């Protein structure tokens, strides 16, 4: 498994059309359970090491629900890498788009 998505139902359905598995998360408990299972932090319910995704895709809404856990994971420099995408209703207020982040980091317009 290369990719895995944790998001709203509509996002999951879209990714399933191109062969990417995922889990629906509508609240913090569901998001945290899915995150722990995919990253191996869920104990016996975790995905086996060889089957873990390389890239974990989270919507901004889901990422905000489990922000502390996501930041701790990213600081640990482990797989899966976490990528945030806009949710079904677009970018969250105050979140930078990838283009904005690149523009800020590099100092040029992409």
N, C-alpha and C. Protein backbone atom coordinates (compact mmCIF):
# COMPACT_ATOMS: atom_id res chain seq x y z
N UNK A 1 0.85 -1.16 0.00
CA UNK A 1 0.00 0.00 0.00
C UNK A 1 0.90 1.24 0.00
N UNK A 2 0.76 2.07 -0.98
CA UNK A 2 1.59 3.26 -1.09
C UNK A 2 0.92 4.49 -0.46
N UNK A 3 -0.40 4.59 -0.62
CA UNK A 3 -1.14 5.74 -0.14
C UNK A 3 -2.30 5.29 0.73
N UNK A 4 -2.72 6.16 1.65
CA UNK A 4 -3.91 5.92 2.45
C UNK A 4 -4.50 7.28 2.78
N UNK A 5 -5.83 7.36 2.80
CA UNK A 5 -6.52 8.63 3.02
C UNK A 5 -7.40 8.54 4.26
N UNK A 6 -7.37 9.58 5.07
CA UNK A 6 -8.32 9.74 6.18
C UNK A 6 -9.03 11.06 5.92
N UNK A 7 -10.33 10.97 5.67
CA UNK A 7 -11.07 12.16 5.24
C UNK A 7 -12.58 11.96 5.37
N UNK A 8 -13.31 12.91 4.80
CA UNK A 8 -14.76 12.81 4.73
C UNK A 8 -15.15 11.78 3.68
N UNK A 9 -16.38 11.31 3.75
CA UNK A 9 -16.87 10.25 2.88
C UNK A 9 -16.68 10.57 1.38
N UNK A 10 -16.99 11.79 0.97
CA UNK A 10 -16.89 12.16 -0.45
C UNK A 10 -15.46 12.10 -0.96
N UNK A 11 -14.52 12.53 -0.13
CA UNK A 11 -13.10 12.49 -0.50
C UNK A 11 -12.64 11.04 -0.64
N UNK A 12 -13.04 10.20 0.31
CA UNK A 12 -12.68 8.78 0.28
C UNK A 12 -13.19 8.13 -1.00
N UNK A 13 -14.44 8.42 -1.35
CA UNK A 13 -15.01 7.83 -2.58
C UNK A 13 -14.22 8.25 -3.81
N UNK A 14 -13.82 9.51 -3.88
CA UNK A 14 -13.02 9.98 -5.01
C UNK A 14 -11.69 9.27 -5.10
N UNK A 15 -11.02 9.09 -3.99
CA UNK A 15 -9.73 8.39 -4.00
C UNK A 15 -9.90 6.91 -4.32
N UNK A 16 -11.00 6.30 -3.87
CA UNK A 16 -11.23 4.88 -4.17
C UNK A 16 -11.38 4.66 -5.68
N UNK A 17 -11.88 5.66 -6.39
CA UNK A 17 -12.02 5.55 -7.85
C UNK A 17 -10.68 5.37 -8.55
N UNK A 18 -9.61 5.85 -7.93
CA UNK A 18 -8.28 5.69 -8.52
C UNK A 18 -7.46 4.64 -7.78
N UNK A 19 -8.12 3.85 -6.92
CA UNK A 19 -7.46 2.73 -6.29
C UNK A 19 -6.76 2.99 -4.97
N UNK A 20 -7.06 4.12 -4.33
CA UNK A 20 -6.43 4.46 -3.05
C UNK A 20 -7.41 4.16 -1.92
N UNK A 21 -6.99 3.35 -0.95
CA UNK A 21 -7.83 3.02 0.20
C UNK A 21 -7.88 4.18 1.18
N UNK A 22 -8.92 4.15 2.01
CA UNK A 22 -9.05 5.19 3.01
C UNK A 22 -10.07 4.85 4.06
N UNK A 23 -10.16 5.72 5.05
CA UNK A 23 -11.10 5.58 6.15
C UNK A 23 -11.81 6.90 6.36
N UNK A 24 -13.11 6.82 6.58
CA UNK A 24 -13.91 8.01 6.87
C UNK A 24 -13.71 8.39 8.33
N UNK A 25 -13.47 9.67 8.57
CA UNK A 25 -13.32 10.19 9.93
C UNK A 25 -14.14 11.47 10.05
N UNK A 26 -15.18 11.42 10.86
CA UNK A 26 -16.06 12.57 11.02
C UNK A 26 -15.88 13.28 12.36
N UNK A 27 -15.10 12.68 13.26
CA UNK A 27 -14.84 13.32 14.55
C UNK A 27 -13.43 12.93 15.02
N UNK A 28 -13.02 13.53 16.12
CA UNK A 28 -11.65 13.31 16.62
C UNK A 28 -11.39 11.84 16.94
N UNK A 29 -12.35 11.16 17.55
CA UNK A 29 -12.15 9.76 17.93
C UNK A 29 -11.89 8.89 16.71
N UNK A 30 -12.71 9.06 15.66
CA UNK A 30 -12.53 8.27 14.44
C UNK A 30 -11.21 8.61 13.77
N UNK A 31 -10.86 9.90 13.72
CA UNK A 31 -9.61 10.33 13.10
C UNK A 31 -8.40 9.77 13.84
N UNK A 32 -8.44 9.84 15.16
CA UNK A 32 -7.32 9.36 15.98
C UNK A 32 -7.17 7.84 15.87
N UNK A 33 -8.29 7.11 15.88
CA UNK A 33 -8.23 5.66 15.73
C UNK A 33 -7.61 5.27 14.39
N UNK A 34 -8.05 5.91 13.32
CA UNK A 34 -7.52 5.61 11.99
C UNK A 34 -6.03 5.97 11.91
N UNK A 35 -5.67 7.13 12.45
CA UNK A 35 -4.27 7.58 12.42
C UNK A 35 -3.38 6.59 13.17
N UNK A 36 -3.80 6.18 14.33
CA UNK A 36 -3.00 5.24 15.13
C UNK A 36 -2.88 3.88 14.45
N UNK A 37 -3.95 3.43 13.82
CA UNK A 37 -3.92 2.14 13.14
C UNK A 37 -2.95 2.17 11.95
N UNK A 38 -2.99 3.23 11.16
CA UNK A 38 -2.16 3.32 9.95
C UNK A 38 -0.69 3.56 10.28
N UNK A 39 -0.43 4.33 11.33
CA UNK A 39 0.97 4.65 11.66
C UNK A 39 1.63 3.60 12.54
N UNK A 40 0.86 2.66 13.05
CA UNK A 40 1.44 1.63 13.89
C UNK A 40 1.38 1.94 15.36
N UNK A 41 0.73 3.04 15.72
CA UNK A 41 0.63 3.43 17.13
C UNK A 41 -0.58 2.78 17.82
N UNK A 42 -1.32 1.98 17.07
CA UNK A 42 -2.56 1.40 17.60
C UNK A 42 -2.42 0.05 18.24
N UNK A 43 -1.22 -0.39 18.51
CA UNK A 43 -1.02 -1.68 19.16
C UNK A 43 -1.38 -2.85 18.27
N UNK A 44 -2.19 -3.76 18.77
CA UNK A 44 -2.52 -4.99 18.03
C UNK A 44 -3.40 -4.73 16.81
N UNK A 45 -4.08 -3.58 16.78
CA UNK A 45 -4.95 -3.27 15.65
C UNK A 45 -4.21 -2.54 14.53
N UNK A 46 -2.93 -2.34 14.68
CA UNK A 46 -2.13 -1.60 13.69
C UNK A 46 -1.95 -2.39 12.41
N UNK A 47 -1.73 -1.64 11.34
CA UNK A 47 -1.39 -2.24 10.05
C UNK A 47 0.03 -2.80 10.18
N UNK A 48 0.28 -4.03 9.71
CA UNK A 48 1.64 -4.59 9.79
C UNK A 48 2.66 -3.69 9.10
N UNK A 49 3.88 -3.69 9.59
CA UNK A 49 4.93 -2.79 9.10
C UNK A 49 5.07 -2.83 7.57
N UNK A 50 5.13 -3.99 6.99
CA UNK A 50 5.32 -4.11 5.55
C UNK A 50 4.14 -3.64 4.72
N UNK A 51 2.99 -3.48 5.34
CA UNK A 51 1.79 -3.06 4.62
C UNK A 51 1.40 -1.60 4.89
N UNK A 52 2.19 -0.90 5.68
CA UNK A 52 1.88 0.49 5.99
C UNK A 52 2.10 1.37 4.76
N UNK A 53 1.28 2.40 4.62
CA UNK A 53 1.45 3.29 3.47
C UNK A 53 2.71 4.13 3.59
N UNK A 54 3.19 4.60 2.47
CA UNK A 54 4.34 5.51 2.45
C UNK A 54 3.88 6.95 2.61
N UNK A 55 2.64 7.23 2.13
CA UNK A 55 2.08 8.57 2.20
C UNK A 55 0.68 8.50 2.79
N UNK A 56 0.45 9.27 3.83
CA UNK A 56 -0.85 9.36 4.48
C UNK A 56 -1.45 10.71 4.12
N UNK A 57 -2.59 10.68 3.45
CA UNK A 57 -3.25 11.90 3.02
C UNK A 57 -4.37 12.22 4.00
N UNK A 58 -4.33 13.42 4.58
CA UNK A 58 -5.35 13.88 5.50
C UNK A 58 -5.98 15.15 4.95
N UNK A 59 -7.29 15.31 5.12
CA UNK A 59 -7.87 16.60 4.80
C UNK A 59 -7.49 17.57 5.91
N UNK A 60 -7.55 18.86 5.62
CA UNK A 60 -7.21 19.86 6.61
C UNK A 60 -8.11 19.73 7.85
N UNK A 61 -9.38 19.39 7.63
CA UNK A 61 -10.31 19.22 8.76
C UNK A 61 -9.85 18.08 9.68
N UNK A 62 -9.50 16.96 9.10
CA UNK A 62 -9.05 15.81 9.89
C UNK A 62 -7.74 16.14 10.59
N UNK A 63 -6.84 16.78 9.89
CA UNK A 63 -5.56 17.15 10.47
C UNK A 63 -5.75 18.09 11.66
N UNK A 64 -6.70 19.00 11.57
CA UNK A 64 -6.97 19.92 12.68
C UNK A 64 -7.53 19.17 13.89
N UNK A 65 -8.28 18.09 13.65
CA UNK A 65 -8.85 17.31 14.75
C UNK A 65 -7.76 16.63 15.59
N UNK A 66 -6.68 16.22 14.92
CA UNK A 66 -5.61 15.47 15.60
C UNK A 66 -4.27 16.20 15.44
N UNK A 67 -4.32 17.51 15.53
CA UNK A 67 -3.16 18.35 15.24
C UNK A 67 -1.93 17.98 16.07
N UNK A 68 -2.09 17.77 17.36
CA UNK A 68 -0.94 17.45 18.22
C UNK A 68 -0.27 16.15 17.80
N UNK A 69 -1.07 15.14 17.49
CA UNK A 69 -0.53 13.84 17.08
C UNK A 69 0.18 13.94 15.73
N UNK A 70 -0.39 14.71 14.81
CA UNK A 70 0.22 14.89 13.49
C UNK A 70 1.57 15.60 13.62
N UNK A 71 1.61 16.67 14.40
CA UNK A 71 2.87 17.40 14.58
C UNK A 71 3.94 16.53 15.23
N UNK A 72 3.55 15.75 16.22
CA UNK A 72 4.52 14.85 16.87
C UNK A 72 5.04 13.83 15.87
N UNK A 73 4.18 13.30 15.02
CA UNK A 73 4.59 12.32 14.02
C UNK A 73 5.56 12.95 13.01
N UNK A 74 5.22 14.14 12.55
CA UNK A 74 6.07 14.81 11.56
C UNK A 74 7.45 15.15 12.13
N UNK A 75 7.51 15.50 13.39
CA UNK A 75 8.80 15.81 14.02
C UNK A 75 9.67 14.57 14.16
N UNK A 76 9.04 13.40 14.19
CA UNK A 76 9.78 12.15 14.32
C UNK A 76 10.39 11.67 13.03
N UNK A 77 10.07 12.32 11.91
CA UNK A 77 10.63 11.96 10.60
C UNK A 77 10.45 10.49 10.27
N UNK A 78 9.23 10.01 10.37
CA UNK A 78 8.95 8.62 10.10
C UNK A 78 7.99 8.48 8.92
N UNK A 79 7.92 7.27 8.38
CA UNK A 79 6.90 6.96 7.38
C UNK A 79 5.66 6.49 8.10
N UNK A 80 4.50 6.80 7.63
CA UNK A 80 4.21 7.49 6.38
C UNK A 80 4.41 9.00 6.49
N UNK A 81 4.73 9.59 5.33
CA UNK A 81 4.78 11.04 5.25
C UNK A 81 3.34 11.53 5.23
N UNK A 82 3.08 12.66 5.85
CA UNK A 82 1.72 13.17 5.93
C UNK A 82 1.56 14.35 4.98
N UNK A 83 0.52 14.27 4.16
CA UNK A 83 0.19 15.33 3.21
C UNK A 83 -1.21 15.81 3.52
N UNK A 84 -1.37 17.12 3.66
CA UNK A 84 -2.70 17.69 3.90
C UNK A 84 -3.27 18.22 2.59
N UNK A 85 -4.55 17.95 2.39
CA UNK A 85 -5.26 18.46 1.22
C UNK A 85 -6.50 19.21 1.70
N UNK A 86 -7.04 20.11 0.89
CA UNK A 86 -8.28 20.79 1.28
C UNK A 86 -9.41 19.77 1.39
N UNK A 87 -10.36 20.06 2.26
CA UNK A 87 -11.53 19.20 2.40
C UNK A 87 -12.54 19.46 1.31
N UNK A 88 -13.70 18.88 1.47
CA UNK A 88 -14.77 18.99 0.48
C UNK A 88 -15.25 20.43 0.30
N UNK A 89 -15.05 21.26 1.33
CA UNK A 89 -15.51 22.65 1.27
C UNK A 89 -14.37 23.62 0.99
N UNK A 90 -13.23 23.13 0.54
CA UNK A 90 -12.10 23.98 0.21
C UNK A 90 -11.16 24.20 1.40
N UNK A 91 -10.24 25.16 1.24
CA UNK A 91 -9.25 25.44 2.29
C UNK A 91 -9.92 25.95 3.55
N UNK A 92 -9.37 25.56 4.69
CA UNK A 92 -9.82 26.09 5.97
C UNK A 92 -9.31 27.51 6.12
N UNK A 93 -10.04 28.31 6.85
CA UNK A 93 -9.64 29.68 7.13
C UNK A 93 -8.29 29.69 7.84
N UNK A 94 -7.36 30.48 7.34
CA UNK A 94 -6.06 30.60 7.98
C UNK A 94 -5.02 29.58 7.54
N UNK A 95 -5.40 28.57 6.75
CA UNK A 95 -4.44 27.57 6.26
C UNK A 95 -3.80 28.07 4.97
N UNK A 96 -2.51 27.85 4.83
CA UNK A 96 -1.82 28.22 3.60
C UNK A 96 -1.97 27.10 2.57
N UNK A 97 -2.09 27.49 1.32
CA UNK A 97 -2.08 26.49 0.26
C UNK A 97 -0.62 26.08 0.01
N UNK A 98 -0.43 24.99 -0.70
CA UNK A 98 0.92 24.54 -1.02
C UNK A 98 1.66 25.61 -1.81
N UNK A 99 0.98 26.25 -2.75
CA UNK A 99 1.59 27.31 -3.56
C UNK A 99 2.04 28.47 -2.67
N UNK A 100 1.21 28.86 -1.72
CA UNK A 100 1.58 29.94 -0.79
C UNK A 100 2.79 29.57 0.04
N UNK A 101 2.85 28.33 0.52
CA UNK A 101 3.98 27.88 1.31
C UNK A 101 5.27 27.90 0.50
N UNK A 102 5.20 27.44 -0.75
CA UNK A 102 6.39 27.46 -1.62
C UNK A 102 6.83 28.89 -1.90
N UNK A 103 5.86 29.74 -2.19
CA UNK A 103 6.16 31.14 -2.46
C UNK A 103 6.86 31.79 -1.26
N UNK A 104 6.38 31.49 -0.07
CA UNK A 104 6.97 32.04 1.15
C UNK A 104 8.38 31.48 1.40
N UNK A 105 8.57 30.19 1.16
CA UNK A 105 9.86 29.55 1.42
C UNK A 105 10.92 29.95 0.41
N UNK A 106 10.52 30.02 -0.86
CA UNK A 106 11.48 30.27 -1.93
C UNK A 106 11.62 31.75 -2.23
N UNK A 107 10.53 32.48 -2.05
CA UNK A 107 10.56 33.91 -2.31
C UNK A 107 10.24 34.28 -3.74
N UNK A 108 9.73 33.31 -4.52
CA UNK A 108 9.32 33.61 -5.89
C UNK A 108 7.94 33.05 -6.15
N UNK A 109 7.28 33.58 -7.12
CA UNK A 109 5.93 33.11 -7.47
C UNK A 109 6.02 31.91 -8.38
N UNK A 110 5.26 30.88 -8.04
CA UNK A 110 5.26 29.64 -8.83
C UNK A 110 4.11 29.68 -9.81
